[in-house]
Amino acid sequence: MTKRYLYDAGGNRTNLFVNGVETVNTFDSGSRLLTEKTAGGELLVEHFYDQWGNEERRETTALALGGGTPVTEVYGYNYLN
């Protein structure tokens, strides 16, 4: 297995290549990961954040799961976070 990574000036991993297959990541101005897409622009994973910058939801598409059922993961935080 061959992996290669590209990073932006802020240190965010913008591109991942695994055996020649590219995944493109996008980030907001706070360096929070927003999307993971194919090189062709098809959405694989989308990330959502609360007002404090905590990831509150992650939606993985059927495409990312090889045609399976899309998955939504929901995260909760307590007052210590």
Protein backbone atom coordinates (compact mmCIF):
# COMPACT_ATOMS: atom_id res chain seq x y z
CA MET A 1 0.00 0.00 0.00
CA THR A 2 1.32 3.40 -0.98
CA LYS A 3 0.19 6.60 0.79
CA ARG A 4 1.10 10.20 0.07
CA TYR A 5 -0.13 13.39 1.72
CA LEU A 6 -0.24 17.09 0.79
CA TYR A 7 -0.63 19.88 3.37
CA ASP A 8 -1.58 23.54 3.22
CA ALA A 9 0.36 26.38 4.87
CA GLY A 10 -1.64 25.89 8.09
CA GLY A 11 -0.62 22.24 8.37
CA ASN A 12 -4.00 20.83 7.30
CA ARG A 13 -3.88 17.64 5.23
CA THR A 14 -5.58 18.75 2.01
CA ASN A 15 -4.97 15.67 -0.11
CA LEU A 16 -4.54 11.99 0.62
CA PHE A 17 -3.42 9.52 -2.02
CA VAL A 18 -3.80 5.79 -1.29
CA ASN A 19 -2.62 3.53 -4.10
CA GLY A 20 -3.22 6.39 -6.53
CA VAL A 21 -6.77 7.18 -5.36
CA GLU A 22 -7.08 10.78 -4.18
CA THR A 23 -9.24 12.22 -1.39
CA VAL A 24 -9.49 16.02 -1.18
CA ASN A 25 -10.20 17.69 2.17
CA THR A 26 -11.57 21.21 2.67
CA PHE A 27 -11.21 23.30 5.83
CA ASP A 28 -12.76 26.47 7.22
CA SER A 29 -10.80 29.51 8.44
CA GLY A 30 -10.49 27.87 11.88
CA SER A 31 -8.77 24.79 10.35
CA ARG A 32 -11.83 22.61 11.01
CA LEU A 33 -12.29 19.79 8.51
CA LEU A 34 -15.49 20.44 6.53
CA THR A 35 -15.56 17.92 3.69
CA GLU A 36 -13.78 14.88 2.32
CA LYS A 37 -14.36 14.45 -1.42
CA THR A 38 -13.12 12.39 -4.32
CA ALA A 39 -10.76 14.05 -6.78
CA GLY A 40 -13.83 14.44 -9.02
CA GLY A 41 -15.67 16.42 -6.33
CA GLU A 42 -18.07 13.73 -5.12
CA LEU A 43 -18.85 14.11 -1.40
CA LEU A 44 -17.63 11.29 0.83
CA VAL A 45 -17.85 12.76 4.35
CA GLU A 46 -19.19 16.06 5.69
CA HIS A 47 -18.37 17.44 9.16
CA PHE A 48 -20.49 19.85 11.25
CA TYR A 49 -19.41 21.88 14.31
CA ASP A 50 -21.09 23.65 17.21
CA GLN A 51 -20.47 27.28 18.14
CA TRP A 52 -17.42 26.32 20.21
CA GLY A 53 -15.75 24.41 17.37
CA ASN A 54 -16.55 20.90 18.62
CA GLU A 55 -17.50 18.40 15.96
CA GLU A 56 -21.16 17.66 16.63
CA ARG A 57 -22.06 15.58 13.58
CA ARG A 58 -20.34 13.62 10.82
CA GLU A 59 -22.23 12.34 7.78
CA THR A 60 -20.65 9.60 5.68
CA THR A 61 -22.22 9.07 2.26
CA ALA A 62 -23.18 5.81 0.59
CA LEU A 63 -20.40 6.43 -1.94
CA ALA A 64 -17.80 6.39 0.84
CA LEU A 65 -19.25 3.13 2.12
CA GLY A 66 -19.16 1.38 -1.23
CA GLY A 67 -22.89 1.75 -1.80
CA GLY A 68 -23.94 0.96 1.76
CA THR A 69 -26.38 2.89 3.88
CA PRO A 70 -25.23 6.45 4.71
CA VAL A 71 -24.12 6.89 8.32
CA THR A 72 -24.61 9.88 10.61
CA GLU A 73 -22.53 10.02 13.77
CA VAL A 74 -23.61 12.48 16.49
CA TYR A 75 -21.29 13.66 19.26
CA GLY A 76 -22.12 15.25 22.60
CA TYR A 77 -20.01 17.25 25.03
CA ASN A 78 -20.42 18.16 28.68
CA TYR A 79 -19.71 21.41 30.52
CA LEU A 80 -16.03 20.48 30.98
CA ASN A 81 -15.34 20.69 27.28
